Structure formats: structure tokens, C-alpha cells
Amino acid sequence: MGLIVKQIGDSTTKYYWYPGDTREYRRALIALGSGAGAFALVYLVTRSVLAATTVGTSVTALLAGLNLGRRDAHALAGFPDVDGRAAGRAAVAHSGRAVWRAVVEGVGMAAAAVAIANLAADGFVANWVLPVVPAAVGACAHQAGMLMRRMEKQVSTAQTHAGRRNVAPSRGVAVPLRDTP
């Protein structure tokens, strides 16, 4: 949850709460800007609105899918391991945020498909295959984002454990702690 604090008077302060974090908003703007840049570049090269729209929405879906996948993996990793009422409240809170992320991703993919399908081009590929491309790219990127986040956690955990096992505290040099034949 984000917070904006505005000092109105000497003894009056207004607090504005907004959902999300500014980092997430920046990542979303980067995804939209990258998609717009890809659209412009492909249109300048090919002069095809269909190709430019497909590539632009796919780039946006790729970056948004990576971001949403990382957020889902982070939420799953932070899920509390408790019993009783606290677990129920935590499950409801995490489920609500996960549903919100899923709705945002689904609406974005549906809007991309509608935008591509409603272009002037005709044919099987233009009407049936290309509208699915951004959704497929976004779904694969979502999974890649979740996998990337899990791998980051495992690598950092492995480095932490390896650093404790392999460094001799007296010398500060990496040495094996066990003798090997």
C-alpha cells in the first residue's frame, strides 16, 4: 500500500492511501512504454498496422506477465505458515490480491486480442492466430516470472548457506571444512 502525505496547515496533515507500490506502477509504465516503442519501430519498418499491433501488445504482455508472475511468486513465498483464524484471514487477503492480478492480466490480454482482431486485415491468421499471440506470450512470461523469482530466492539462500559452510572464520579464506580423500 502506498502513502502520499500532504501538509495542509501547521497542525493538519492529509494522508492519501493508494493501492500498490510506486515500483509496480513504474514497471507497468515501462511495459506500456516498451510496447508503444515496439509498435512505433515495427510500424516504421513494415508499414503494417497488424504486425505493429501484434508486436507492440506482445512486448507489453511479456513485460507485464514477467512483473505479475514475480509478484505472484513473491506473494506465495510470503504466505504465513500458521493455523486457525490468522491463516484464514491471510488466505483471504492473499486470494483477493491474486484475483486482482489475474483480472488485470486477463483484461489486458482480452483487450489486446480484441484490438488485433478488429483491424482491417482479413484471413485465418489475422483473425484467429495473431489475436492469441499476446495472450500466449503473456501467459508464458507469467510462468517465467514466477520461476525467475523462485530461482532468485533459491540462489540467494544457497549462497548464504554456502558462504557459511565454506569460509573459515579465522582466516577469511574459502577452505573445505571436511577432509576429502
C-alpha atoms as a PDB file:
ATOM      1  CA  MET A   1       0.000   0.000   0.000  1.00  0.00           C
ATOM      2  CA  GLY A   2       1.361   3.415  -0.935  1.00  0.00           C
ATOM      3  CA  LEU A   3       1.032   6.638   1.007  1.00  0.00           C
ATOM      4  CA  ILE A   4       1.089  10.301  -0.006  1.00  0.00           C
ATOM      5  CA  VAL A   5       1.399  12.784   2.859  1.00  0.00           C
ATOM      6  CA  LYS A   6       0.363  16.428   2.287  1.00  0.00           C
ATOM      7  CA  GLN A   7       0.899  19.117   4.889  1.00  0.00           C
ATOM      8  CA  ILE A   8      -2.180  21.392   4.660  1.00  0.00           C
ATOM      9  CA  GLY A   9      -1.661  23.594   7.698  1.00  0.00           C
ATOM     10  CA  ASP A  10       0.530  23.881  10.752  1.00  0.00           C
ATOM     11  CA  SER A  11      -1.338  21.153  12.567  1.00  0.00           C
ATOM     12  CA  THR A  12      -3.202  19.497   9.690  1.00  0.00           C
ATOM     13  CA  THR A  13      -1.836  16.672   7.574  1.00  0.00           C
ATOM     14  CA  LYS A  14      -3.763  14.718   4.949  1.00  0.00           C
ATOM     15  CA  TYR A  15      -2.885  11.125   4.173  1.00  0.00           C
ATOM     16  CA  TYR A  16      -3.804   9.576   0.823  1.00  0.00           C
ATOM     17  CA  TRP A  17      -3.542   5.816   0.572  1.00  0.00           C
ATOM     18  CA  TYR A  18      -3.365   4.163  -2.831  1.00  0.00           C
ATOM     19  CA  PRO A  19      -3.137   0.504  -3.796  1.00  0.00           C
ATOM     20  CA  GLY A  20       0.156  -0.931  -4.867  1.00  0.00           C
ATOM     21  CA  ASP A  21       3.672   0.376  -4.716  1.00  0.00           C
ATOM     22  CA  THR A  22       5.341   3.029  -6.858  1.00  0.00           C
ATOM     23  CA  ARG A  23       7.825   0.418  -8.109  1.00  0.00           C
ATOM     24  CA  GLU A  24       4.948  -1.602  -9.515  1.00  0.00           C
ATOM     25  CA  TYR A  25       3.474   1.466 -11.206  1.00  0.00           C
ATOM     26  CA  ARG A  26       6.871   2.239 -12.748  1.00  0.00           C
ATOM     27  CA  ARG A  27       7.162  -1.323 -14.035  1.00  0.00           C
ATOM     28  CA  ALA A  28       3.695  -1.059 -15.565  1.00  0.00           C
ATOM     29  CA  LEU A  29       4.602   2.221 -17.255  1.00  0.00           C
ATOM     30  CA  ILE A  30       7.818   0.660 -18.561  1.00  0.00           C
ATOM     31  CA  ALA A  31       5.782  -2.227 -20.020  1.00  0.00           C
ATOM     32  CA  LEU A  32       3.347   0.168 -21.711  1.00  0.00           C
ATOM     33  CA  GLY A  33       6.136   2.405 -22.975  1.00  0.00           C
ATOM     34  CA  SER A  34       8.106  -0.551 -24.325  1.00  0.00           C
ATOM     35  CA  GLY A  35       5.021  -1.820 -26.129  1.00  0.00           C
ATOM     36  CA  ALA A  36       4.395   1.609 -27.646  1.00  0.00           C
ATOM     37  CA  GLY A  37       8.044   1.832 -28.694  1.00  0.00           C
ATOM     38  CA  ALA A  38       7.920  -1.617 -30.293  1.00  0.00           C
ATOM     39  CA  PHE A  39       4.700  -0.661 -32.090  1.00  0.00           C
ATOM     40  CA  ALA A  40       6.312   2.502 -33.483  1.00  0.00           C
ATOM     41  CA  LEU A  41       9.501   0.712 -34.532  1.00  0.00           C
ATOM     42  CA  VAL A  42       7.711  -2.150 -36.282  1.00  0.00           C
ATOM     43  CA  TYR A  43       5.293   0.249 -37.985  1.00  0.00           C
ATOM     44  CA  LEU A  44       8.177   2.391 -39.271  1.00  0.00           C
ATOM     45  CA  VAL A  45       9.913  -0.676 -40.679  1.00  0.00           C
ATOM     46  CA  THR A  46       6.949  -2.637 -42.111  1.00  0.00           C
ATOM     47  CA  ARG A  47       4.145  -0.048 -42.507  1.00  0.00           C
ATOM     48  CA  SER A  48       1.804  -2.793 -41.308  1.00  0.00           C
ATOM     49  CA  VAL A  49      -0.596  -1.889 -38.518  1.00  0.00           C
ATOM     50  CA  LEU A  50      -1.378  -5.569 -37.953  1.00  0.00           C
ATOM     51  CA  ALA A  51       2.263  -6.551 -37.408  1.00  0.00           C
ATOM     52  CA  ALA A  52       2.967  -3.455 -35.319  1.00  0.00           C
ATOM     53  CA  THR A  53      -0.077  -4.016 -33.096  1.00  0.00           C
ATOM     54  CA  THR A  54       0.763  -7.681 -32.607  1.00  0.00           C
ATOM     55  CA  VAL A  55       4.399  -6.977 -31.705  1.00  0.00           C
ATOM     56  CA  GLY A  56       3.559  -3.965 -29.511  1.00  0.00           C
ATOM     57  CA  THR A  57       0.901  -5.787 -27.500  1.00  0.00           C
ATOM     58  CA  SER A  58       3.150  -8.850 -27.240  1.00  0.00           C
ATOM     59  CA  VAL A  59       6.020  -6.798 -25.798  1.00  0.00           C
ATOM     60  CA  THR A  60       3.640  -5.193 -23.310  1.00  0.00           C
ATOM     61  CA  ALA A  61       2.219  -8.619 -22.410  1.00  0.00           C
ATOM     62  CA  LEU A  62       5.731 -10.025 -21.998  1.00  0.00           C
ATOM     63  CA  LEU A  63       6.876  -7.369 -19.542  1.00  0.00           C
ATOM     64  CA  ALA A  64       3.553  -7.263 -17.688  1.00  0.00           C
ATOM     65  CA  GLY A  65       3.483 -11.070 -17.441  1.00  0.00           C
ATOM     66  CA  LEU A  66       7.013 -11.142 -16.000  1.00  0.00           C
ATOM     67  CA  ASN A  67       6.076  -8.490 -13.455  1.00  0.00           C
ATOM     68  CA  LEU A  68       2.809 -10.155 -12.420  1.00  0.00           C
ATOM     69  CA  GLY A  69       4.475 -13.571 -12.243  1.00  0.00           C
ATOM     70  CA  ARG A  70       7.188 -12.238  -9.936  1.00  0.00           C
ATOM     71  CA  ARG A  71       4.532 -10.620  -7.751  1.00  0.00           C
ATOM     72  CA  ASP A  72       2.539 -13.875  -7.557  1.00  0.00           C
ATOM     73  CA  ALA A  73       5.640 -15.869  -6.620  1.00  0.00           C
ATOM     74  CA  HIS A  74       6.568 -13.273  -4.001  1.00  0.00           C
ATOM     75  CA  ALA A  75       3.048 -13.462  -2.541  1.00  0.00           C
ATOM     76  CA  LEU A  76       3.186 -17.266  -2.414  1.00  0.00           C
ATOM     77  CA  ALA A  77       6.587 -17.212  -0.721  1.00  0.00           C
ATOM     78  CA  GLY A  78       5.354 -14.775   1.899  1.00  0.00           C
ATOM     79  CA  PHE A  79       2.256 -16.779   2.770  1.00  0.00           C
ATOM     80  CA  PRO A  80       2.262 -17.324   6.528  1.00  0.00           C
ATOM     81  CA  ASP A  81       2.572 -20.825   7.900  1.00  0.00           C
ATOM     82  CA  VAL A  82       0.098 -20.505  10.782  1.00  0.00           C
ATOM     83  CA  ASP A  83      -3.077 -22.260  11.857  1.00  0.00           C
ATOM     84  CA  GLY A  84      -6.501 -21.055  12.840  1.00  0.00           C
ATOM     85  CA  ARG A  85      -8.110 -17.699  12.243  1.00  0.00           C
ATOM     86  CA  ALA A  86      -4.883 -15.942  11.277  1.00  0.00           C
ATOM     87  CA  ALA A  87      -4.377 -18.410   8.444  1.00  0.00           C
ATOM     88  CA  GLY A  88      -7.918 -17.831   7.218  1.00  0.00           C
ATOM     89  CA  ARG A  89      -7.502 -14.058   7.222  1.00  0.00           C
ATOM     90  CA  ALA A  90      -4.166 -14.333   5.457  1.00  0.00           C
ATOM     91  CA  ALA A  91      -5.645 -16.672   2.838  1.00  0.00           C
ATOM     92  CA  VAL A  92      -8.479 -14.238   2.122  1.00  0.00           C
ATOM     93  CA  ALA A  93      -6.081 -11.308   1.809  1.00  0.00           C
ATOM     94  CA  HIS A  94      -3.682 -13.185  -0.474  1.00  0.00           C
ATOM     95  CA  SER A  95      -6.557 -14.561  -2.553  1.00  0.00           C
ATOM     96  CA  GLY A  96      -8.016 -11.104  -3.049  1.00  0.00           C
ATOM     97  CA  ARG A  97      -4.713  -9.730  -4.325  1.00  0.00           C
ATOM     98  CA  ALA A  98      -4.175 -12.757  -6.565  1.00  0.00           C
ATOM     99  CA  VAL A  99      -7.659 -12.358  -8.052  1.00  0.00           C
ATOM    100  CA  TRP A 100      -6.972  -8.675  -8.716  1.00  0.00           C
ATOM    101  CA  ARG A 101      -3.710  -9.521 -10.528  1.00  0.00           C
ATOM    102  CA  ALA A 102      -5.485 -12.220 -12.547  1.00  0.00           C
ATOM    103  CA  VAL A 103      -8.292  -9.856 -13.560  1.00  0.00           C
ATOM    104  CA  VAL A 104      -5.804  -7.184 -14.640  1.00  0.00           C
ATOM    105  CA  GLU A 105      -3.819  -9.669 -16.691  1.00  0.00           C
ATOM    106  CA  GLY A 106      -6.917 -11.249 -18.240  1.00  0.00           C
ATOM    107  CA  VAL A 107      -8.495  -7.929 -19.194  1.00  0.00           C
ATOM    108  CA  GLY A 108      -5.206  -6.776 -20.709  1.00  0.00           C
ATOM    109  CA  MET A 109      -4.874  -9.921 -22.803  1.00  0.00           C
ATOM    110  CA  ALA A 110      -8.516  -9.753 -23.906  1.00  0.00           C
ATOM    111  CA  ALA A 111      -8.121  -6.099 -24.895  1.00  0.00           C
ATOM    112  CA  ALA A 112      -5.031  -6.968 -26.945  1.00  0.00           C
ATOM    113  CA  ALA A 113      -6.897  -9.793 -28.694  1.00  0.00           C
ATOM    114  CA  VAL A 114      -9.868  -7.547 -29.487  1.00  0.00           C
ATOM    115  CA  ALA A 115      -7.570  -4.805 -30.791  1.00  0.00           C
ATOM    116  CA  ILE A 116      -5.800  -7.210 -33.146  1.00  0.00           C
ATOM    117  CA  ALA A 117      -8.984  -8.994 -34.260  1.00  0.00           C
ATOM    118  CA  ASN A 118     -10.725  -5.715 -35.121  1.00  0.00           C
ATOM    119  CA  LEU A 119      -8.028  -4.497 -37.500  1.00  0.00           C
ATOM    120  CA  ALA A 120      -8.832  -4.254 -41.200  1.00  0.00           C
ATOM    121  CA  ALA A 121      -6.855  -7.366 -42.197  1.00  0.00           C
ATOM    122  CA  ASP A 122      -8.754 -10.494 -43.183  1.00  0.00           C
ATOM    123  CA  GLY A 123      -7.819 -14.133 -43.221  1.00  0.00           C
ATOM    124  CA  PHE A 124      -7.390 -17.019 -40.849  1.00  0.00           C
ATOM    125  CA  VAL A 125      -4.033 -15.890 -39.449  1.00  0.00           C
ATOM    126  CA  ALA A 126      -5.114 -12.272 -38.912  1.00  0.00           C
ATOM    127  CA  ASN A 127      -8.467 -13.163 -37.336  1.00  0.00           C
ATOM    128  CA  TRP A 128      -7.654 -16.325 -35.370  1.00  0.00           C
ATOM    129  CA  VAL A 129      -3.927 -16.803 -34.800  1.00  0.00           C
ATOM    130  CA  LEU A 130      -2.485 -13.320 -34.251  1.00  0.00           C
ATOM    131  CA  PRO A 131      -5.034 -12.258 -31.582  1.00  0.00           C
ATOM    132  CA  VAL A 132      -3.886 -15.190 -29.420  1.00  0.00           C
ATOM    133  CA  VAL A 133      -0.171 -14.354 -29.683  1.00  0.00           C
ATOM    134  CA  PRO A 134      -0.056 -11.632 -26.952  1.00  0.00           C
ATOM    135  CA  ALA A 135      -2.068 -13.821 -24.559  1.00  0.00           C
ATOM    136  CA  ALA A 136       0.262 -16.768 -25.131  1.00  0.00           C
ATOM    137  CA  VAL A 137       3.335 -14.563 -24.696  1.00  0.00           C
ATOM    138  CA  GLY A 138       1.885 -13.035 -21.520  1.00  0.00           C
ATOM    139  CA  ALA A 139       0.979 -16.432 -20.034  1.00  0.00           C
ATOM    140  CA  CYS A 140       4.443 -17.854 -20.728  1.00  0.00           C
ATOM    141  CA  ALA A 141       6.043 -14.705 -19.331  1.00  0.00           C
ATOM    142  CA  HIS A 142       3.900 -15.025 -16.185  1.00  0.00           C
ATOM    143  CA  GLN A 143       5.230 -18.530 -15.615  1.00  0.00           C
ATOM    144  CA  ALA A 144       8.777 -17.387 -16.399  1.00  0.00           C
ATOM    145  CA  GLY A 145       8.396 -14.550 -13.886  1.00  0.00           C
ATOM    146  CA  MET A 146       7.283 -16.970 -11.175  1.00  0.00           C
ATOM    147  CA  LEU A 147      10.154 -19.315 -11.991  1.00  0.00           C
ATOM    148  CA  MET A 148      12.636 -16.427 -12.064  1.00  0.00           C
ATOM    149  CA  ARG A 149      11.535 -15.233  -8.624  1.00  0.00           C
ATOM    150  CA  ARG A 150      11.813 -18.747  -7.144  1.00  0.00           C
ATOM    151  CA  MET A 151      15.269 -19.198  -8.656  1.00  0.00           C
ATOM    152  CA  GLU A 152      16.402 -15.835  -7.248  1.00  0.00           C
ATOM    153  CA  LYS A 153      15.281 -16.932  -3.791  1.00  0.00           C
ATOM    154  CA  GLN A 154      16.969 -20.333  -4.076  1.00  0.00           C
ATOM    155  CA  VAL A 155      20.232 -18.867  -5.359  1.00  0.00           C
ATOM    156  CA  SER A 156      20.362 -16.277  -2.584  1.00  0.00           C
ATOM    157  CA  THR A 157      19.585 -18.949   0.016  1.00  0.00           C
ATOM    158  CA  ALA A 158      22.205 -21.306  -1.432  1.00  0.00           C
ATOM    159  CA  GLN A 159      24.829 -18.543  -1.475  1.00  0.00           C
ATOM    160  CA  THR A 160      24.057 -17.676   2.121  1.00  0.00           C
ATOM    161  CA  HIS A 161      24.395 -21.296   3.221  1.00  0.00           C
ATOM    162  CA  ALA A 162      27.464 -21.925   1.062  1.00  0.00           C
ATOM    163  CA  GLY A 163      29.146 -18.823   2.419  1.00  0.00           C
ATOM    164  CA  ARG A 164      28.689 -20.024   5.990  1.00  0.00           C
ATOM    165  CA  ARG A 165      29.980 -23.527   5.306  1.00  0.00           C
ATOM    166  CA  ASN A 166      32.962 -22.832   3.081  1.00  0.00           C
ATOM    167  CA  VAL A 167      34.635 -19.854   4.740  1.00  0.00           C
ATOM    168  CA  ALA A 168      36.960 -20.425   7.656  1.00  0.00           C
ATOM    169  CA  PRO A 169      36.234 -17.618  10.127  1.00  0.00           C
ATOM    170  CA  SER A 170      39.800 -17.360  11.395  1.00  0.00           C
ATOM    171  CA  ARG A 171      41.436 -16.822   8.012  1.00  0.00           C
ATOM    172  CA  GLY A 172      38.567 -15.432   5.904  1.00  0.00           C
ATOM    173  CA  VAL A 173      39.599 -17.737   3.067  1.00  0.00           C
ATOM    174  CA  ALA A 174      37.361 -20.265   1.353  1.00  0.00           C
ATOM    175  CA  VAL A 175      38.527 -23.683   2.524  1.00  0.00           C
ATOM    176  CA  PRO A 176      36.742 -27.002   2.776  1.00  0.00           C
ATOM    177  CA  LEU A 177      35.703 -27.769   6.319  1.00  0.00           C
ATOM    178  CA  ARG A 178      35.926 -31.537   5.823  1.00  0.00           C
ATOM    179  CA  ASP A 179      38.872 -33.542   4.665  1.00  0.00           C
ATOM    180  CA  THR A 180      38.191 -35.371   1.422  1.00  0.00           C
ATOM    181  CA  PRO A 181      40.186 -38.426   0.313  1.00  0.00           C
END
